[in-house]
Amino acid sequence: MIKIAQISDLHFSTFSLKIKDLFSKRLIGMVNLLINRKKSYIDKHLYKLPSLFRSLDLDYVFISGDLTSTSLIKEFEKAKKFTSSFDKDLKFFIIPGNHDQYTKKAFQKDFFYNFFENKNKLQTKSLKKDKIEILSLSDKWVSIGLDTTLATSLFSASGLFSKDLEKTLIEILDAIPKDKNIILINHFPIIHIAPKRKHLKRRAVLLDIIKKHPNIKLYLHGHTHKLAVEKEDNLPFMICSGCSSHKKNGSFNLFEIENDKCKVINYKIKNNSWQKNKTWQLHF
């Protein structure tokens, strides 16, 4: 059995009034942080996860993006401190979200990758260089992480499934044996209804690729902040862990995978502690 925890949208934040920090899209982010996010998100209960994950005897932790709120260096430092608080033998697989590429400078200077580069990868491709990364989980399962983030305009929170990434993904999928199951991880959903400014651009192309590769069994994402386990014809299970740092609705998913079946156990923050919430039995 493989045990994986999916956490997402941690949104570690730092409030700053420094001119150099505000001379960008970050000004909007700071206003949003002051009015909304500071009241709705808290990192305190995130620090209860290391001991819980130790008791769950996990193999991997997947973080599906948005570790920061406005891509400040201090926010990345907080996120790095958090991931470093777990047992050193616990393997992490981390992809960025749109908030981790919040400004053009953060995107161009690779702030995210200066703090987070996965170490348990096959060396052929990397998120930083190729926007795609592969992790072998077992003889039966492999995971593929995508970086579809980009520096966006003032009020946009969209991503892009680029033509280069399309080509690389197809090459990788075609090379994986058909009897091997795949978990695809991307910050952005592809069937969720959302305003256009929050969409993954060229998501229809990604959907078409997925439909042609039925051994993709799970598509894990964040971004929506809403817990969801969805299934449509000719598509894998589309699963969002919810927002793990939300003050009242903090949530994460535990996957127990064995051969061609998977149990998904959702944990939710209740009475200031993590408690089991819902369970799904998935068969492939």
C-alpha atoms as a PDB file:
ATOM      1  CA  MET A   1       0.000   0.000   0.000  1.00  0.00           C
ATOM      2  CA  ILE A   2       1.087   3.571  -0.767  1.00  0.00           C
ATOM      3  CA  LYS A   3       0.014   6.305   1.640  1.00  0.00           C
ATOM      4  CA  ILE A   4      -0.033   9.875   0.320  1.00  0.00           C
ATOM      5  CA  ALA A   5      -1.286  13.064   1.949  1.00  0.00           C
ATOM      6  CA  GLN A   6      -2.365  15.881  -0.345  1.00  0.00           C
ATOM      7  CA  ILE A   7      -2.296  19.348   1.164  1.00  0.00           C
ATOM      8  CA  SER A   8      -2.790  22.538  -0.807  1.00  0.00           C
ATOM      9  CA  ASP A   9      -3.191  26.321  -0.718  1.00  0.00           C
ATOM     10  CA  LEU A  10      -1.214  26.896   2.470  1.00  0.00           C
ATOM     11  CA  HIS A  11      -0.977  30.631   1.797  1.00  0.00           C
ATOM     12  CA  PHE A  12       1.746  31.537   4.254  1.00  0.00           C
ATOM     13  CA  SER A  13       1.629  35.320   4.406  1.00  0.00           C
ATOM     14  CA  THR A  14       3.671  38.312   5.478  1.00  0.00           C
ATOM     15  CA  PHE A  15       2.273  41.823   5.548  1.00  0.00           C
ATOM     16  CA  SER A  16       4.629  44.416   4.118  1.00  0.00           C
ATOM     17  CA  LEU A  17       4.434  48.163   3.576  1.00  0.00           C
ATOM     18  CA  LYS A  18       7.863  48.465   1.964  1.00  0.00           C
ATOM     19  CA  ILE A  19       7.699  50.430  -1.281  1.00  0.00           C
ATOM     20  CA  LYS A  20       9.854  47.880  -3.126  1.00  0.00           C
ATOM     21  CA  ASP A  21       7.393  45.126  -2.138  1.00  0.00           C
ATOM     22  CA  LEU A  22       4.312  47.093  -3.137  1.00  0.00           C
ATOM     23  CA  PHE A  23       5.540  48.393  -6.485  1.00  0.00           C
ATOM     24  CA  SER A  24       3.839  45.520  -8.329  1.00  0.00           C
ATOM     25  CA  LYS A  25       0.710  43.387  -8.375  1.00  0.00           C
ATOM     26  CA  ARG A  26       1.563  42.643  -4.740  1.00  0.00           C
ATOM     27  CA  LEU A  27      -0.190  45.886  -3.735  1.00  0.00           C
ATOM     28  CA  ILE A  28      -3.512  44.197  -4.616  1.00  0.00           C
ATOM     29  CA  GLY A  29      -2.421  41.117  -2.693  1.00  0.00           C
ATOM     30  CA  MET A  30      -1.601  43.133   0.418  1.00  0.00           C
ATOM     31  CA  VAL A  31      -4.979  44.858   0.342  1.00  0.00           C
ATOM     32  CA  ASN A  32      -6.666  41.467  -0.044  1.00  0.00           C
ATOM     33  CA  LEU A  33      -4.548  40.080   2.779  1.00  0.00           C
ATOM     34  CA  LEU A  34      -5.544  42.929   5.083  1.00  0.00           C
ATOM     35  CA  ILE A  35      -9.265  42.833   4.268  1.00  0.00           C
ATOM     36  CA  ASN A  36      -9.895  39.144   3.679  1.00  0.00           C
ATOM     37  CA  ARG A  37      -7.142  36.561   3.893  1.00  0.00           C
ATOM     38  CA  LYS A  38      -5.796  37.566   7.304  1.00  0.00           C
ATOM     39  CA  LYS A  39      -9.216  36.805   8.778  1.00  0.00           C
ATOM     40  CA  SER A  40      -9.815  33.577   6.872  1.00  0.00           C
ATOM     41  CA  TYR A  41      -6.446  31.795   6.907  1.00  0.00           C
ATOM     42  CA  ILE A  42      -4.187  30.665   9.709  1.00  0.00           C
ATOM     43  CA  ASP A  43      -0.998  28.614   9.736  1.00  0.00           C
ATOM     44  CA  LYS A  44      -1.245  27.481  13.376  1.00  0.00           C
ATOM     45  CA  HIS A  45      -3.069  24.219  12.709  1.00  0.00           C
ATOM     46  CA  LEU A  46      -0.705  23.377   9.827  1.00  0.00           C
ATOM     47  CA  TYR A  47       1.964  22.747  12.440  1.00  0.00           C
ATOM     48  CA  LYS A  48      -0.174  19.968  13.895  1.00  0.00           C
ATOM     49  CA  LEU A  49       0.307  17.979  10.701  1.00  0.00           C
ATOM     50  CA  PRO A  50       3.877  16.683  11.304  1.00  0.00           C
ATOM     51  CA  SER A  51       2.880  14.608  14.344  1.00  0.00           C
ATOM     52  CA  LEU A  52      -0.344  13.468  12.669  1.00  0.00           C
ATOM     53  CA  PHE A  53       1.468  12.429   9.503  1.00  0.00           C
ATOM     54  CA  ARG A  54       3.987  10.527  11.615  1.00  0.00           C
ATOM     55  CA  SER A  55       1.151   8.548  13.194  1.00  0.00           C
ATOM     56  CA  LEU A  56      -0.371   7.855   9.766  1.00  0.00           C
ATOM     57  CA  ASP A  57       2.895   6.304   8.564  1.00  0.00           C
ATOM     58  CA  LEU A  58       2.885   8.207   5.278  1.00  0.00           C
ATOM     59  CA  ASP A  59       5.115   7.543   2.296  1.00  0.00           C
ATOM     60  CA  TYR A  60       4.648  10.883   0.515  1.00  0.00           C
ATOM     61  CA  VAL A  61       3.224  14.375   0.927  1.00  0.00           C
ATOM     62  CA  PHE A  62       2.008  16.109  -2.215  1.00  0.00           C
ATOM     63  CA  ILE A  63       1.601  19.886  -2.028  1.00  0.00           C
ATOM     64  CA  SER A  64      -0.456  21.104  -4.980  1.00  0.00           C
ATOM     65  CA  GLY A  65       0.562  24.758  -4.965  1.00  0.00           C
ATOM     66  CA  ASP A  66       0.016  28.148  -3.356  1.00  0.00           C
ATOM     67  CA  LEU A  67       2.445  27.777  -0.494  1.00  0.00           C
ATOM     68  CA  THR A  68       2.639  31.588  -0.324  1.00  0.00           C
ATOM     69  CA  SER A  69       0.206  34.480  -0.688  1.00  0.00           C
ATOM     70  CA  THR A  70       2.175  37.101  -2.623  1.00  0.00           C
ATOM     71  CA  SER A  71       5.538  35.406  -3.376  1.00  0.00           C
ATOM     72  CA  LEU A  72       7.468  37.403  -0.798  1.00  0.00           C
ATOM     73  CA  ILE A  73      10.801  35.879   0.210  1.00  0.00           C
ATOM     74  CA  LYS A  74       9.663  35.889   3.853  1.00  0.00           C
ATOM     75  CA  GLU A  75       6.582  33.902   2.855  1.00  0.00           C
ATOM     76  CA  PHE A  76       8.736  31.306   1.114  1.00  0.00           C
ATOM     77  CA  GLU A  77      10.909  31.156   4.230  1.00  0.00           C
ATOM     78  CA  LYS A  78       7.819  30.418   6.334  1.00  0.00           C
ATOM     79  CA  ALA A  79       6.722  27.707   3.902  1.00  0.00           C
ATOM     80  CA  LYS A  80      10.217  26.174   3.913  1.00  0.00           C
ATOM     81  CA  LYS A  81      10.280  26.198   7.716  1.00  0.00           C
ATOM     82  CA  PHE A  82       6.957  24.343   7.678  1.00  0.00           C
ATOM     83  CA  THR A  83       8.071  21.594   5.284  1.00  0.00           C
ATOM     84  CA  SER A  84      11.319  21.261   7.237  1.00  0.00           C
ATOM     85  CA  SER A  85       9.348  20.545  10.427  1.00  0.00           C
ATOM     86  CA  PHE A  86       8.389  17.061   9.165  1.00  0.00           C
ATOM     87  CA  ASP A  87      10.410  13.894   9.620  1.00  0.00           C
ATOM     88  CA  LYS A  88      13.400  13.997   7.300  1.00  0.00           C
ATOM     89  CA  ASP A  89      12.613  10.605   5.744  1.00  0.00           C
ATOM     90  CA  LEU A  90       9.129  11.734   4.626  1.00  0.00           C
ATOM     91  CA  LYS A  91       9.206  12.418   0.883  1.00  0.00           C
ATOM     92  CA  PHE A  92       7.652  15.631  -0.488  1.00  0.00           C
ATOM     93  CA  PHE A  93       6.491  16.292  -4.042  1.00  0.00           C
ATOM     94  CA  ILE A  94       5.749  20.005  -4.412  1.00  0.00           C
ATOM     95  CA  ILE A  95       4.431  22.029  -7.346  1.00  0.00           C
ATOM     96  CA  PRO A  96       3.841  25.808  -7.478  1.00  0.00           C
ATOM     97  CA  GLY A  97       0.515  27.613  -7.637  1.00  0.00           C
ATOM     98  CA  ASN A  98      -0.360  31.001  -9.074  1.00  0.00           C
ATOM     99  CA  HIS A  99       0.338  32.731  -5.739  1.00  0.00           C
ATOM    100  CA  ASP A 100       3.873  31.318  -5.824  1.00  0.00           C
ATOM    101  CA  GLN A 101       4.471  33.208  -9.084  1.00  0.00           C
ATOM    102  CA  TYR A 102       2.514  36.269  -7.977  1.00  0.00           C
ATOM    103  CA  THR A 103       4.771  38.939  -9.483  1.00  0.00           C
ATOM    104  CA  LYS A 104       6.922  39.143 -12.599  1.00  0.00           C
ATOM    105  CA  LYS A 105      10.032  39.376 -10.443  1.00  0.00           C
ATOM    106  CA  ALA A 106       9.112  36.223  -8.473  1.00  0.00           C
ATOM    107  CA  PHE A 107       8.518  34.422 -11.769  1.00  0.00           C
ATOM    108  CA  GLN A 108      11.678  35.638 -13.499  1.00  0.00           C
ATOM    109  CA  LYS A 109      13.955  35.133 -10.475  1.00  0.00           C
ATOM    110  CA  ASP A 110      12.593  31.646  -9.702  1.00  0.00           C
ATOM    111  CA  PHE A 111      11.740  32.488  -6.085  1.00  0.00           C
ATOM    112  CA  PHE A 112       9.740  29.267  -5.760  1.00  0.00           C
ATOM    113  CA  TYR A 113      12.510  27.040  -7.102  1.00  0.00           C
ATOM    114  CA  ASN A 114      15.129  28.739  -4.956  1.00  0.00           C
ATOM    115  CA  PHE A 115      13.308  27.149  -2.005  1.00  0.00           C
ATOM    116  CA  PHE A 116      11.595  24.081  -3.430  1.00  0.00           C
ATOM    117  CA  GLU A 117      13.141  21.621  -5.841  1.00  0.00           C
ATOM    118  CA  ASN A 118      12.020  18.027  -5.505  1.00  0.00           C
ATOM    119  CA  LYS A 119      14.817  15.600  -4.680  1.00  0.00           C
ATOM    120  CA  ASN A 120      13.013  12.302  -5.247  1.00  0.00           C
ATOM    121  CA  LYS A 121      12.664  12.589  -8.989  1.00  0.00           C
ATOM    122  CA  LEU A 122      13.718  10.794 -12.104  1.00  0.00           C
ATOM    123  CA  GLN A 123      16.514  12.936 -13.475  1.00  0.00           C
ATOM    124  CA  THR A 124      15.250  13.148 -17.061  1.00  0.00           C
ATOM    125  CA  LYS A 125      12.848  16.064 -16.446  1.00  0.00           C
ATOM    126  CA  SER A 126      12.465  18.718 -13.765  1.00  0.00           C
ATOM    127  CA  LEU A 127       9.735  21.195 -12.893  1.00  0.00           C
ATOM    128  CA  LYS A 128      12.161  24.096 -12.918  1.00  0.00           C
ATOM    129  CA  LYS A 129      13.589  23.406 -16.364  1.00  0.00           C
ATOM    130  CA  ASP A 130      10.850  21.486 -18.165  1.00  0.00           C
ATOM    131  CA  LYS A 131       7.681  22.390 -16.197  1.00  0.00           C
ATOM    132  CA  ILE A 132       7.104  18.674 -15.655  1.00  0.00           C
ATOM    133  CA  GLU A 133       8.487  16.098 -13.243  1.00  0.00           C
ATOM    134  CA  ILE A 134       8.049  12.363 -12.701  1.00  0.00           C
ATOM    135  CA  LEU A 135       8.100  10.416  -9.444  1.00  0.00           C
ATOM    136  CA  SER A 136       7.995   6.625  -9.366  1.00  0.00           C
ATOM    137  CA  LEU A 137       5.783   5.556  -6.448  1.00  0.00           C
ATOM    138  CA  SER A 138       5.787   1.764  -6.905  1.00  0.00           C
ATOM    139  CA  ASP A 139       5.897  -0.914  -9.587  1.00  0.00           C
ATOM    140  CA  LYS A 140       2.257  -0.088 -10.313  1.00  0.00           C
ATOM    141  CA  TRP A 141       2.033   3.677  -9.809  1.00  0.00           C
ATOM    142  CA  VAL A 142       3.813   6.832 -10.995  1.00  0.00           C
ATOM    143  CA  SER A 143       3.029  10.503 -10.405  1.00  0.00           C
ATOM    144  CA  ILE A 144       3.568  13.393 -12.807  1.00  0.00           C
ATOM    145  CA  GLY A 145       3.649  16.982 -11.572  1.00  0.00           C
ATOM    146  CA  LEU A 146       2.978  19.961 -13.835  1.00  0.00           C
ATOM    147  CA  ASP A 147       3.974  23.595 -13.435  1.00  0.00           C
ATOM    148  CA  THR A 148       1.367  25.593 -15.371  1.00  0.00           C
ATOM    149  CA  THR A 149       1.925  28.859 -13.500  1.00  0.00           C
ATOM    150  CA  LEU A 150       2.972  32.166 -14.999  1.00  0.00           C
ATOM    151  CA  ALA A 151       3.216  35.802 -14.022  1.00  0.00           C
ATOM    152  CA  THR A 152      -0.235  37.245 -14.703  1.00  0.00           C
ATOM    153  CA  SER A 153      -1.811  40.664 -15.046  1.00  0.00           C
ATOM    154  CA  LEU A 154      -3.205  42.708 -12.172  1.00  0.00           C
ATOM    155  CA  PHE A 155      -6.475  40.870 -11.485  1.00  0.00           C
ATOM    156  CA  SER A 156      -5.720  37.535 -13.158  1.00  0.00           C
ATOM    157  CA  ALA A 157      -5.137  34.216 -11.392  1.00  0.00           C
ATOM    158  CA  SER A 158      -4.903  32.022 -14.467  1.00  0.00           C
ATOM    159  CA  GLY A 159      -2.425  29.385 -15.602  1.00  0.00           C
ATOM    160  CA  LEU A 160      -1.200  28.143 -18.968  1.00  0.00           C
ATOM    161  CA  PHE A 161      -0.811  24.643 -20.364  1.00  0.00           C
ATOM    162  CA  SER A 162       1.772  25.661 -22.936  1.00  0.00           C
ATOM    163  CA  LYS A 163       2.479  24.032 -26.302  1.00  0.00           C
ATOM    164  CA  ASP A 164       5.947  23.018 -25.107  1.00  0.00           C
ATOM    165  CA  LEU A 165       4.488  21.375 -22.009  1.00  0.00           C
ATOM    166  CA  GLU A 166       1.845  19.694 -24.170  1.00  0.00           C
ATOM    167  CA  LYS A 167       4.541  18.106 -26.323  1.00  0.00           C
ATOM    168  CA  THR A 168       6.616  16.962 -23.358  1.00  0.00           C
ATOM    169  CA  LEU A 169       3.640  15.518 -21.494  1.00  0.00           C
ATOM    170  CA  ILE A 170       2.542  13.487 -24.522  1.00  0.00           C
ATOM    171  CA  GLU A 171       6.067  12.101 -24.934  1.00  0.00           C
ATOM    172  CA  ILE A 172       6.211  11.075 -21.282  1.00  0.00           C
ATOM    173  CA  LEU A 173       2.733   9.546 -21.227  1.00  0.00           C
ATOM    174  CA  ASP A 174       3.393   7.543 -24.384  1.00  0.00           C
ATOM    175  CA  ALA A 175       6.586   6.149 -22.845  1.00  0.00           C
ATOM    176  CA  ILE A 176       4.893   4.926 -19.647  1.00  0.00           C
ATOM    177  CA  PRO A 177       3.675   1.310 -19.862  1.00  0.00           C
ATOM    178  CA  LYS A 178      -0.106   1.124 -20.251  1.00  0.00           C
ATOM    179  CA  ASP A 179      -0.434  -1.174 -17.246  1.00  0.00           C
ATOM    180  CA  LYS A 180       1.091   1.481 -14.982  1.00  0.00           C
ATOM    181  CA  ASN A 181      -1.348   3.821 -13.213  1.00  0.00           C
ATOM    182  CA  ILE A 182      -0.680   7.555 -13.204  1.00  0.00           C
ATOM    183  CA  ILE A 183      -1.443  10.369 -10.762  1.00  0.00           C
ATOM    184  CA  LEU A 184      -1.380  13.763 -12.495  1.00  0.00           C
ATOM    185  CA  ILE A 185      -0.829  16.763 -10.220  1.00  0.00           C
ATOM    186  CA  ASN A 186      -1.512  20.333 -11.315  1.00  0.00           C
ATOM    187  CA  HIS A 187      -2.504  23.380  -9.285  1.00  0.00           C
ATOM    188  CA  PHE A 188      -5.330  24.317 -11.638  1.00  0.00           C
ATOM    189  CA  PRO A 189      -8.567  22.336 -12.077  1.00  0.00           C
ATOM    190  CA  ILE A 190      -9.748  21.507 -15.591  1.00  0.00           C
ATOM    191  CA  ILE A 191     -13.464  20.829 -15.132  1.00  0.00           C
ATOM    192  CA  HIS A 192     -14.283  23.220 -12.302  1.00  0.00           C
ATOM    193  CA  ILE A 193     -16.545  26.153 -13.202  1.00  0.00           C
ATOM    194  CA  ALA A 194     -14.757  29.389 -12.373  1.00  0.00           C
ATOM    195  CA  PRO A 195     -14.391  32.954 -13.686  1.00  0.00           C
ATOM    196  CA  LYS A 196     -12.284  33.180 -16.838  1.00  0.00           C
ATOM    197  CA  ARG A 197      -9.567  35.091 -14.989  1.00  0.00           C
ATOM    198  CA  LYS A 198      -8.955  31.964 -12.863  1.00  0.00           C
ATOM    199  CA  HIS A 199      -8.950  29.431 -15.717  1.00  0.00           C
ATOM    200  CA  LEU A 200      -6.157  27.241 -16.973  1.00  0.00           C
ATOM    201  CA  LYS A 201      -5.581  28.453 -20.512  1.00  0.00           C
ATOM    202  CA  ARG A 202      -5.603  25.649 -23.108  1.00  0.00           C
ATOM    203  CA  ARG A 203      -7.231  23.353 -20.571  1.00  0.00           C
ATOM    204  CA  ALA A 204      -9.273  21.759 -23.379  1.00  0.00           C
ATOM    205  CA  VAL A 205      -5.994  20.508 -24.875  1.00  0.00           C
ATOM    206  CA  LEU A 206      -4.977  18.975 -21.548  1.00  0.00           C
ATOM    207  CA  LEU A 207      -8.410  17.365 -21.206  1.00  0.00           C
ATOM    208  CA  ASP A 208      -8.064  15.800 -24.646  1.00  0.00           C
ATOM    209  CA  ILE A 209      -4.658  14.347 -23.757  1.00  0.00           C
ATOM    210  CA  ILE A 210      -6.014  12.889 -20.531  1.00  0.00           C
ATOM    211  CA  LYS A 211      -8.932  11.257 -22.348  1.00  0.00           C
ATOM    212  CA  LYS A 212      -6.457   9.496 -24.649  1.00  0.00           C
ATOM    213  CA  HIS A 213      -4.532   8.029 -21.698  1.00  0.00           C
ATOM    214  CA  PRO A 214      -6.944   6.022 -19.544  1.00  0.00           C
ATOM    215  CA  ASN A 215      -4.138   4.893 -17.246  1.00  0.00           C
ATOM    216  CA  ILE A 216      -4.283   8.395 -15.711  1.00  0.00           C
ATOM    217  CA  LYS A 217      -6.427   7.444 -12.729  1.00  0.00           C
ATOM    218  CA  LEU A 218      -6.212  10.503 -10.475  1.00  0.00           C
ATOM    219  CA  TYR A 219      -5.957  14.235 -11.215  1.00  0.00           C
ATOM    220  CA  LEU A 220      -5.052  16.151  -8.042  1.00  0.00           C
ATOM    221  CA  HIS A 221      -5.369  19.924  -7.891  1.00  0.00           C
ATOM    222  CA  GLY A 222      -5.828  22.910  -5.606  1.00  0.00           C
ATOM    223  CA  HIS A 223      -6.786  26.512  -6.448  1.00  0.00           C
ATOM    224  CA  THR A 224     -10.552  26.278  -5.760  1.00  0.00           C
ATOM    225  CA  HIS A 225     -10.222  25.978  -1.960  1.00  0.00           C
ATOM    226  CA  LYS A 226     -13.159  23.543  -2.137  1.00  0.00           C
ATOM    227  CA  LEU A 227     -13.020  19.871  -1.215  1.00  0.00           C
ATOM    228  CA  ALA A 228     -14.124  17.827  -4.222  1.00  0.00           C
ATOM    229  CA  VAL A 229     -14.002  14.257  -5.508  1.00  0.00           C
ATOM    230  CA  GLU A 230     -15.523  14.310  -9.002  1.00  0.00           C
ATOM    231  CA  LYS A 231     -15.815  11.760 -11.798  1.00  0.00           C
ATOM    232  CA  GLU A 232     -16.906  12.257 -15.410  1.00  0.00           C
ATOM    233  CA  ASP A 233     -16.933   9.802 -18.304  1.00  0.00           C
ATOM    234  CA  ASN A 234     -13.522   9.162 -19.907  1.00  0.00           C
ATOM    235  CA  LEU A 235     -11.754  11.190 -17.237  1.00  0.00           C
ATOM    236  CA  PRO A 236      -9.863  10.272 -14.063  1.00  0.00           C
ATOM    237  CA  PHE A 237     -11.131  11.153 -10.611  1.00  0.00           C
ATOM    238  CA  MET A 238     -10.677  14.911 -10.203  1.00  0.00           C
ATOM    239  CA  ILE A 239      -9.760  15.590  -6.590  1.00  0.00           C
ATOM    240  CA  CYS A 240      -9.181  18.828  -4.691  1.00  0.00           C
ATOM    241  CA  SER A 241      -8.011  18.668  -1.089  1.00  0.00           C
ATOM    242  CA  GLY A 242      -9.592  21.984  -0.201  1.00  0.00           C
ATOM    243  CA  CYS A 243      -7.596  24.758   1.447  1.00  0.00           C
ATOM    244  CA  SER A 244      -5.410  23.300   4.179  1.00  0.00           C
ATOM    245  CA  SER A 245      -4.859  26.649   5.923  1.00  0.00           C
ATOM    246  CA  HIS A 246      -8.458  27.871   6.099  1.00  0.00           C
ATOM    247  CA  LYS A 247      -9.344  28.905   9.638  1.00  0.00           C
ATOM    248  CA  LYS A 248     -12.762  27.184   9.735  1.00  0.00           C
ATOM    249  CA  ASN A 249     -12.692  24.756   6.804  1.00  0.00           C
ATOM    250  CA  GLY A 250      -9.063  23.636   6.752  1.00  0.00           C
ATOM    251  CA  SER A 251      -8.843  20.342   4.890  1.00  0.00           C
ATOM    252  CA  PHE A 252      -6.479  17.736   3.443  1.00  0.00           C
ATOM    253  CA  ASN A 253      -6.800  14.317   1.812  1.00  0.00           C
ATOM    254  CA  LEU A 254      -5.165  11.019   2.668  1.00  0.00           C
ATOM    255  CA  PHE A 255      -4.826   8.467  -0.155  1.00  0.00           C
ATOM    256  CA  GLU A 256      -4.392   4.783   0.604  1.00  0.00           C
ATOM    257  CA  ILE A 257      -3.569   3.193  -2.749  1.00  0.00           C
ATOM    258  CA  GLU A 258      -3.297  -0.501  -3.387  1.00  0.00           C
ATOM    259  CA  ASN A 259      -3.079  -1.936  -6.917  1.00  0.00           C
ATOM    260  CA  ASP A 260      -6.293  -0.859  -8.696  1.00  0.00           C
ATOM    261  CA  LYS A 261      -8.184   0.631  -5.787  1.00  0.00           C
ATOM    262  CA  CYS A 262      -7.837   3.703  -3.638  1.00  0.00           C
ATOM    263  CA  LYS A 263      -9.393   4.952  -0.432  1.00  0.00           C
ATOM    264  CA  VAL A 264      -9.583   8.732  -0.045  1.00  0.00           C
ATOM    265  CA  ILE A 265      -9.981   9.947   3.526  1.00  0.00           C
ATOM    266  CA  ASN A 266     -10.628  13.632   4.034  1.00  0.00           C
ATOM    267  CA  TYR A 267      -9.491  15.291   7.235  1.00  0.00           C
ATOM    268  CA  LYS A 268     -10.963  18.583   8.369  1.00  0.00           C
ATOM    269  CA  ILE A 269     -10.021  20.981  11.143  1.00  0.00           C
ATOM    270  CA  LYS A 270     -12.664  20.716  13.877  1.00  0.00           C
ATOM    271  CA  ASN A 271     -12.436  22.044  17.419  1.00  0.00           C
ATOM    272  CA  ASN A 272      -8.855  23.065  16.724  1.00  0.00           C
ATOM    273  CA  SER A 273      -7.751  19.531  15.765  1.00  0.00           C
ATOM    274  CA  TRP A 274      -7.583  17.422  12.596  1.00  0.00           C
ATOM    275  CA  GLN A 275     -10.408  14.884  12.429  1.00  0.00           C
ATOM    276  CA  LYS A 276     -11.667  12.442   9.807  1.00  0.00           C
ATOM    277  CA  ASN A 277     -14.472  13.967   7.788  1.00  0.00           C
ATOM    278  CA  LYS A 278     -15.440  11.929   4.690  1.00  0.00           C
ATOM    279  CA  THR A 279     -14.261   8.753   2.969  1.00  0.00           C
ATOM    280  CA  TRP A 280     -14.489   7.633  -0.667  1.00  0.00           C
ATOM    281  CA  GLN A 281     -13.710   4.184  -2.055  1.00  0.00           C
ATOM    282  CA  LEU A 282     -12.392   4.465  -5.620  1.00  0.00           C
ATOM    283  CA  HIS A 283     -12.027   1.572  -8.058  1.00  0.00           C
ATOM    284  CA  PHE A 284     -10.207   1.798 -11.370  1.00  0.00           C
END
